[in-house]
């Protein structure tokens, strides 16, 4: 695909670019940086045509939404797409007592889970204020998965809460035209499937689970999405680091140091990359778009330089023989569609 191409998101009228911009780093993920750097990073993404911006209240406890809204404030509203999430309300709190987790300097708020009808409506309205806009293009239910809530029983409880309450709010907002598409932003394939079977969703943002390292979504999720006309947005295409940095000391996978078996698999993929003179990050960024139900890949960036590198890797030509070599050597599933 070319960056100027567009894919229809599910059964909506939204046309999304194949390469978007993930805003988790704008919340000071892993390390803090200045508002000016954040502004320049967003503006570089916009200028290069990465016209889909995905954020969430969680990222920096409101900081990423504030930074994104400020950087885009005077751009024509129809010149970009905004995606954000619901499921956490931000409550004021003494900053000395706030735990930002992966986010190293956050605003003085704590996230409180609330997937109810009123909670989703409040979350939507709060995001409008932080972003400085009157509509959201894509609104996603955030983190209804085992990884976030700690157990299958807790996930099921939150799932029931949102389907009995917040889901109705999403339907009303979509019907009113103030959001264009509804879905969920999740790290787990099974959680996406549960939503796909339970409601009328347009898309899912699946983070890290359909990549050069993981293609389990081909078993049942992607066929289900094809059946129901649901698109996927792929977050975390570098599996939180190792597919951008390569294997070696300090490589991260799924928000933790990469284990030996992942390191070894990436080394084998890197050997094929070297044979065909293909940068590993370029292959990681382009692979998911081979599937017709993948509408966009949404990597994060924390500097203009990182944005430019993503843009360059997206545009790197990759021969069909490269993908075939990965499949022949058992490093990529044989049934995985590859980019033309």
Protein backbone atom coordinates (compact mmCIF):
# COMPACT_ATOMS: atom_id res chain seq x y z
CA UNK A 1 0.00 0.00 0.00
CA UNK A 2 0.97 3.64 -0.44
CA UNK A 3 0.56 6.14 2.37
CA UNK A 4 -2.00 8.04 0.33
CA UNK A 5 -4.20 4.95 0.01
CA UNK A 6 -7.24 4.55 2.22
CA UNK A 7 -9.23 1.61 3.55
CA UNK A 8 -12.84 1.73 4.71
CA UNK A 9 -13.15 1.05 8.42
CA UNK A 10 -15.60 -1.80 8.88
CA UNK A 11 -19.05 -0.89 7.59
CA UNK A 12 -18.65 2.81 8.34
CA UNK A 13 -17.96 5.72 6.01
CA UNK A 14 -14.58 6.39 7.63
CA UNK A 15 -11.55 6.10 5.36
CA UNK A 16 -8.37 5.50 7.33
CA UNK A 17 -4.73 5.82 6.23
CA UNK A 18 -2.67 2.61 6.33
CA UNK A 19 -0.17 4.18 8.74
CA UNK A 20 -1.37 5.97 11.85
CA UNK A 21 0.17 7.48 14.96
CA UNK A 22 -0.05 5.86 18.40
CA UNK A 23 -0.07 8.45 21.18
CA UNK A 24 0.91 6.37 24.22
CA UNK A 25 4.45 7.86 24.15
CA UNK A 26 2.92 11.36 24.42
CA UNK A 27 1.93 10.40 27.96
CA UNK A 28 5.61 10.14 28.97
CA UNK A 29 5.65 6.39 28.49
CA UNK A 30 8.93 4.98 29.87
CA UNK A 31 10.50 8.46 30.13
CA UNK A 32 9.34 12.06 30.30
CA UNK A 33 9.94 14.65 27.58
CA UNK A 34 8.88 18.22 26.88
CA UNK A 35 5.58 19.58 25.65
CA UNK A 36 7.47 21.19 22.77
CA UNK A 37 8.90 17.85 21.67
CA UNK A 38 5.42 16.35 21.84
CA UNK A 39 4.05 19.20 19.72
CA UNK A 40 6.76 18.79 17.09
CA UNK A 41 6.25 15.03 17.02
CA UNK A 42 2.51 15.33 16.34
CA UNK A 43 3.02 18.05 13.76
CA UNK A 44 5.61 15.93 11.93
CA UNK A 45 3.18 13.01 11.85
CA UNK A 46 0.43 15.25 10.48
CA UNK A 47 2.69 16.79 7.84
CA UNK A 48 3.84 13.35 6.66
CA UNK A 49 0.26 12.13 6.22
CA UNK A 50 -0.17 9.94 9.31
CA UNK A 51 -3.71 11.23 9.64
CA UNK A 52 -5.07 8.76 12.23
CA UNK A 53 -4.19 9.61 15.85
CA UNK A 54 -5.01 7.06 18.56
CA UNK A 55 -4.89 8.09 22.20
CA UNK A 56 -6.55 7.29 25.55
CA UNK A 57 -7.19 8.88 28.97
CA UNK A 58 -4.78 6.32 30.47
CA UNK A 59 -1.75 7.69 28.61
CA UNK A 60 -0.11 10.03 31.10
CA UNK A 61 -3.45 10.24 32.96
CA UNK A 62 -4.79 12.76 30.46
CA UNK A 63 -1.45 14.19 29.34
CA UNK A 64 -1.42 12.53 25.90
CA UNK A 65 -4.91 13.82 25.09
CA UNK A 66 -3.95 17.34 26.20
CA UNK A 67 -0.75 17.29 24.13
CA UNK A 68 -2.46 15.85 21.06
CA UNK A 69 -5.33 18.34 21.22
CA UNK A 70 -2.97 21.28 21.59
CA UNK A 71 -0.81 20.20 18.64
CA UNK A 72 -3.83 19.71 16.34
CA UNK A 73 -5.94 22.57 17.68
CA UNK A 74 -5.99 24.82 14.63
CA UNK A 75 -5.77 22.13 11.96
CA UNK A 76 -8.94 21.66 9.87
CA UNK A 77 -10.96 19.05 11.75
CA UNK A 78 -11.68 17.02 8.62
CA UNK A 79 -7.97 16.72 7.84
CA UNK A 80 -7.33 14.00 10.47
CA UNK A 81 -9.07 11.22 12.39
CA UNK A 82 -9.15 10.97 16.20
CA UNK A 83 -9.44 7.74 18.15
CA UNK A 84 -9.67 7.59 21.93
CA UNK A 85 -10.97 5.23 24.57
CA UNK A 86 -13.45 4.79 27.40
CA UNK A 87 -13.47 2.70 30.56
CA UNK A 88 -11.39 4.85 32.90
CA UNK A 89 -12.46 8.12 34.48
CA UNK A 90 -9.74 10.48 35.71
CA UNK A 91 -10.26 11.74 39.25
CA UNK A 92 -8.14 14.55 40.81
CA UNK A 93 -5.55 13.31 43.31
CA UNK A 94 -2.47 14.56 45.13
CA UNK A 95 0.35 13.96 42.63
CA UNK A 96 2.58 12.61 45.41
CA UNK A 97 0.21 9.62 45.69
CA UNK A 98 -0.37 8.92 41.97
CA UNK A 99 1.26 5.82 40.49
CA UNK A 100 1.79 6.37 36.77
CA UNK A 101 3.01 2.84 36.09
CA UNK A 102 4.69 2.83 32.67
CA UNK A 103 4.13 6.59 32.43
CA UNK A 104 6.93 8.38 34.22
CA UNK A 105 5.45 11.84 34.74
CA UNK A 106 1.67 12.10 34.73
CA UNK A 107 -1.00 14.68 35.46
CA UNK A 108 -2.47 14.74 39.01
CA UNK A 109 -5.29 12.29 38.36
CA UNK A 110 -5.92 8.63 39.09
CA UNK A 111 -7.70 6.32 36.68
CA UNK A 112 -10.90 4.76 38.02
CA UNK A 113 -12.49 1.93 36.04
CA UNK A 114 -16.06 2.69 35.01
CA UNK A 115 -17.67 0.87 32.09
CA UNK A 116 -21.22 1.90 32.95
CA UNK A 117 -23.51 3.96 30.71
CA UNK A 118 -22.91 7.12 32.76
CA UNK A 119 -19.18 6.39 33.02
CA UNK A 120 -18.77 6.06 29.26
CA UNK A 121 -20.75 9.24 28.62
CA UNK A 122 -18.63 11.12 31.18
CA UNK A 123 -15.41 9.71 29.73
CA UNK A 124 -16.41 10.78 26.22
CA UNK A 125 -17.25 14.31 27.35
CA UNK A 126 -14.00 14.60 29.34
CA UNK A 127 -11.98 13.50 26.30
CA UNK A 128 -13.68 16.13 24.17
CA UNK A 129 -12.55 18.76 26.67
CA UNK A 130 -8.94 17.51 26.84
CA UNK A 131 -8.70 17.18 23.05
CA UNK A 132 -10.45 20.48 22.38
CA UNK A 133 -12.87 19.06 19.82
CA UNK A 134 -16.56 18.40 19.37
CA UNK A 135 -16.47 14.88 17.94
CA UNK A 136 -14.42 11.69 18.06
CA UNK A 137 -14.05 9.57 14.94
CA UNK A 138 -13.37 6.23 16.68
CA UNK A 139 -14.32 5.46 20.29
CA UNK A 140 -12.93 2.26 21.80
CA UNK A 141 -13.70 0.31 24.99
CA UNK A 142 -10.32 0.09 26.70
CA UNK A 143 -8.64 -2.92 28.31
CA UNK A 144 -11.46 -5.36 29.03
CA UNK A 145 -8.99 -8.24 29.14
CA UNK A 146 -7.30 -10.63 31.54
CA UNK A 147 -3.94 -8.87 31.24
CA UNK A 148 -5.43 -5.66 32.69
CA UNK A 149 -7.88 -7.01 35.26
CA UNK A 150 -5.90 -10.00 36.50
CA UNK A 151 -8.25 -12.94 35.98
CA UNK A 152 -10.84 -14.34 33.63
CA UNK A 153 -13.54 -13.81 36.27
CA UNK A 154 -12.62 -10.12 36.56
CA UNK A 155 -12.58 -9.75 32.79
CA UNK A 156 -16.04 -11.31 32.53
CA UNK A 157 -17.36 -8.96 35.21
CA UNK A 158 -16.08 -5.89 33.31
CA UNK A 159 -17.35 -7.34 30.05
CA UNK A 160 -20.86 -7.67 31.47
CA UNK A 161 -20.64 -4.18 32.92
CA UNK A 162 -19.82 -2.57 29.59
CA UNK A 163 -22.22 -4.65 27.50
CA UNK A 164 -25.09 -3.89 29.91
CA UNK A 165 -24.23 -0.19 30.23
CA UNK A 166 -21.41 1.50 28.31
CA UNK A 167 -22.19 -0.29 25.06
CA UNK A 168 -25.60 1.38 24.97
CA UNK A 169 -23.89 4.76 25.33
CA UNK A 170 -21.60 3.96 22.40
CA UNK A 171 -24.58 3.04 20.22
CA UNK A 172 -26.34 6.30 21.10
CA UNK A 173 -23.25 8.40 20.38
CA UNK A 174 -22.72 6.67 17.03
CA UNK A 175 -26.37 7.16 16.12
CA UNK A 176 -26.09 10.86 17.04
CA UNK A 177 -23.13 11.25 14.68
CA UNK A 178 -20.66 12.54 17.28
CA UNK A 179 -18.58 9.39 16.88
CA UNK A 180 -18.09 7.62 13.57
CA UNK A 181 -17.10 4.12 14.69
CA UNK A 182 -17.16 2.05 17.87
CA UNK A 183 -14.95 -0.79 18.98
CA UNK A 184 -12.51 -1.95 21.61
CA UNK A 185 -8.81 -1.48 22.25
CA UNK A 186 -7.41 -4.71 23.69
CA UNK A 187 -4.22 -6.79 23.98
CA UNK A 188 -5.91 -10.20 23.69
CA UNK A 189 -7.46 -12.06 20.76
CA UNK A 190 -10.07 -13.89 22.85
CA UNK A 191 -11.34 -10.62 24.33
CA UNK A 192 -11.82 -9.20 20.82
CA UNK A 193 -13.76 -12.30 19.82
CA UNK A 194 -16.06 -11.94 22.82
CA UNK A 195 -16.96 -8.40 21.76
CA UNK A 196 -17.35 -9.37 18.10
CA UNK A 197 -19.91 -12.03 19.04
CA UNK A 198 -21.78 -9.87 21.57
CA UNK A 199 -22.34 -6.55 19.79
CA UNK A 200 -22.41 -4.44 16.65
CA UNK A 201 -18.82 -3.20 16.48
CA UNK A 202 -16.98 -1.53 13.60
CA UNK A 203 -13.35 -2.16 14.56
CA UNK A 204 -10.90 -3.38 17.16
CA UNK A 205 -7.50 -1.96 17.98
CA UNK A 206 -5.52 -5.12 18.67
CA UNK A 207 -2.16 -4.39 20.28
CA UNK A 208 0.75 -6.76 19.67
CA UNK A 209 -1.22 -9.85 18.71
CA UNK A 210 -0.98 -9.81 14.92
CA UNK A 211 2.68 -9.19 14.13
CA UNK A 212 5.74 -10.83 12.59
CA UNK A 213 6.04 -12.72 15.87
CA UNK A 214 2.39 -13.62 16.48
CA UNK A 215 -0.28 -14.70 14.01
CA UNK A 216 -2.72 -16.52 16.28
CA UNK A 217 -5.44 -14.06 15.24
CA UNK A 218 -5.64 -15.99 11.95
CA UNK A 219 -7.20 -18.98 13.71
CA UNK A 220 -10.58 -17.50 14.53
CA UNK A 221 -10.56 -13.72 15.12
CA UNK A 222 -9.73 -12.59 11.60
CA UNK A 223 -12.22 -15.02 9.98
CA UNK A 224 -14.86 -13.75 12.43
CA UNK A 225 -14.01 -10.14 11.55
CA UNK A 226 -14.31 -10.96 7.84
CA UNK A 227 -17.71 -12.55 8.45
CA UNK A 228 -19.03 -9.58 10.42
CA UNK A 229 -17.39 -6.76 8.44
CA UNK A 230 -15.13 -5.65 11.30
CA UNK A 231 -11.76 -4.00 10.68
CA UNK A 232 -8.63 -4.31 12.79
CA UNK A 233 -6.26 -1.49 13.67
CA UNK A 234 -2.91 -2.98 14.69
CA UNK A 235 -1.21 -1.33 17.63
CA UNK A 236 2.21 -2.36 18.91
CA UNK A 237 3.47 -3.69 15.55
CA UNK A 238 6.99 -3.85 17.03
CA UNK A 239 5.76 -5.96 19.99
CA UNK A 240 6.75 -3.06 22.30
CA UNK A 241 10.29 -2.90 21.00
CA UNK A 242 12.11 -6.00 19.81
CA UNK A 243 10.88 -5.79 16.21
CA UNK A 244 12.26 -2.24 16.01
CA UNK A 245 15.53 -2.71 17.89
CA UNK A 246 16.26 -6.31 16.94
CA UNK A 247 17.37 -9.03 19.33
CA UNK A 248 20.03 -8.35 21.93
CA UNK A 249 20.56 -6.95 25.43
CA UNK A 250 17.84 -4.53 26.43
CA UNK A 251 15.31 -5.73 23.85
CA UNK A 252 11.71 -5.57 25.07
CA UNK A 253 8.74 -7.77 24.19
CA UNK A 254 5.19 -7.28 25.46
CA UNK A 255 6.20 -4.59 28.01
CA UNK A 256 8.96 -6.73 29.56
CA UNK A 257 12.51 -7.85 28.75
CA UNK A 258 12.35 -10.27 25.81
CA UNK A 259 12.72 -13.93 26.86
CA UNK A 260 15.35 -16.17 25.22
CA UNK A 261 12.94 -17.95 22.86
CA UNK A 262 11.66 -14.64 21.48
CA UNK A 263 15.22 -13.34 21.12
CA UNK A 264 16.16 -16.45 19.12
CA UNK A 265 13.14 -16.22 16.82
CA UNK A 266 13.89 -12.57 16.09
CA UNK A 267 17.52 -13.42 15.31
CA UNK A 268 16.31 -15.92 12.72
CA UNK A 269 13.99 -13.32 11.19
CA UNK A 270 16.87 -10.83 11.17
CA UNK A 271 18.97 -13.30 9.19
CA UNK A 272 16.32 -13.39 6.45
CA UNK A 273 16.12 -9.59 6.56
CA UNK A 274 19.88 -9.38 6.00
CA UNK A 275 19.66 -11.81 3.09
CA UNK A 276 17.10 -9.63 1.30
CA UNK A 277 18.41 -6.26 2.54
CA UNK A 278 15.09 -5.51 4.27
CA UNK A 279 15.10 -3.56 7.57
CA UNK A 280 13.44 -5.60 10.31
CA UNK A 281 11.20 -2.66 11.39
CA UNK A 282 10.00 -2.19 7.79
CA UNK A 283 8.90 -5.83 7.63
CA UNK A 284 7.21 -5.55 11.04
CA UNK A 285 5.35 -2.40 10.04
CA UNK A 286 4.17 -3.65 6.66
CA UNK A 287 3.31 -7.29 7.42
CA UNK A 288 -0.11 -6.80 9.11
CA UNK A 289 -1.44 -4.80 6.15
CA UNK A 290 -1.30 -7.89 3.99
CA UNK A 291 -4.60 -9.00 5.54
CA UNK A 292 -7.66 -7.35 3.95
CA UNK A 293 -9.34 -6.89 7.34
CA UNK A 294 -6.44 -4.86 8.69
CA UNK A 295 -7.23 -1.22 7.96
CA UNK A 296 -4.22 0.50 9.55
CA UNK A 297 -1.04 -0.05 11.53
CA UNK A 298 -0.59 2.38 14.43
CA UNK A 299 2.94 2.52 15.86
CA UNK A 300 3.88 4.98 18.57
CA UNK A 301 6.60 7.64 18.41
CA UNK A 302 8.10 10.09 20.89
CA UNK A 303 10.11 12.35 18.58
CA UNK A 304 10.00 13.74 15.03
CA UNK A 305 12.92 11.45 14.19
CA UNK A 306 10.97 8.36 15.23
CA UNK A 307 7.99 9.51 13.16
CA UNK A 308 10.22 9.98 10.13
CA UNK A 309 11.75 6.52 10.62
CA UNK A 310 8.30 4.92 10.76
CA UNK A 311 7.37 6.79 7.60
CA UNK A 312 10.57 5.62 5.86
CA UNK A 313 10.13 2.00 6.95
CA UNK A 314 6.54 2.03 5.75
CA UNK A 315 7.70 3.16 2.29
CA UNK A 316 10.59 0.66 2.03
CA UNK A 317 10.08 -1.74 -0.93
CA UNK A 318 9.94 -5.38 0.19
CA UNK A 319 10.08 -8.16 -2.45
CA UNK A 320 7.52 -10.97 -2.42
CA UNK A 321 10.40 -13.44 -2.17
CA UNK A 322 11.19 -12.11 1.32
CA UNK A 323 7.79 -13.06 2.67
CA UNK A 324 7.97 -16.43 0.94
CA UNK A 325 11.36 -17.10 2.53
CA UNK A 326 9.94 -16.38 6.00
CA UNK A 327 7.10 -18.81 5.35
CA UNK A 328 9.37 -21.49 3.87
CA UNK A 329 11.59 -21.34 6.97
CA UNK A 330 8.71 -21.56 9.42
CA UNK A 331 9.10 -18.00 10.66
CA UNK A 332 5.73 -16.83 9.32
CA UNK A 333 2.55 -18.85 9.04
CA UNK A 334 1.92 -20.19 5.58
CA UNK A 335 -1.72 -19.03 5.65
CA UNK A 336 -0.78 -15.44 6.56
CA UNK A 337 -1.63 -13.03 3.71
CA UNK A 338 1.42 -10.95 2.86
CA UNK A 339 1.62 -7.46 1.35
CA UNK A 340 1.49 -7.27 -2.41
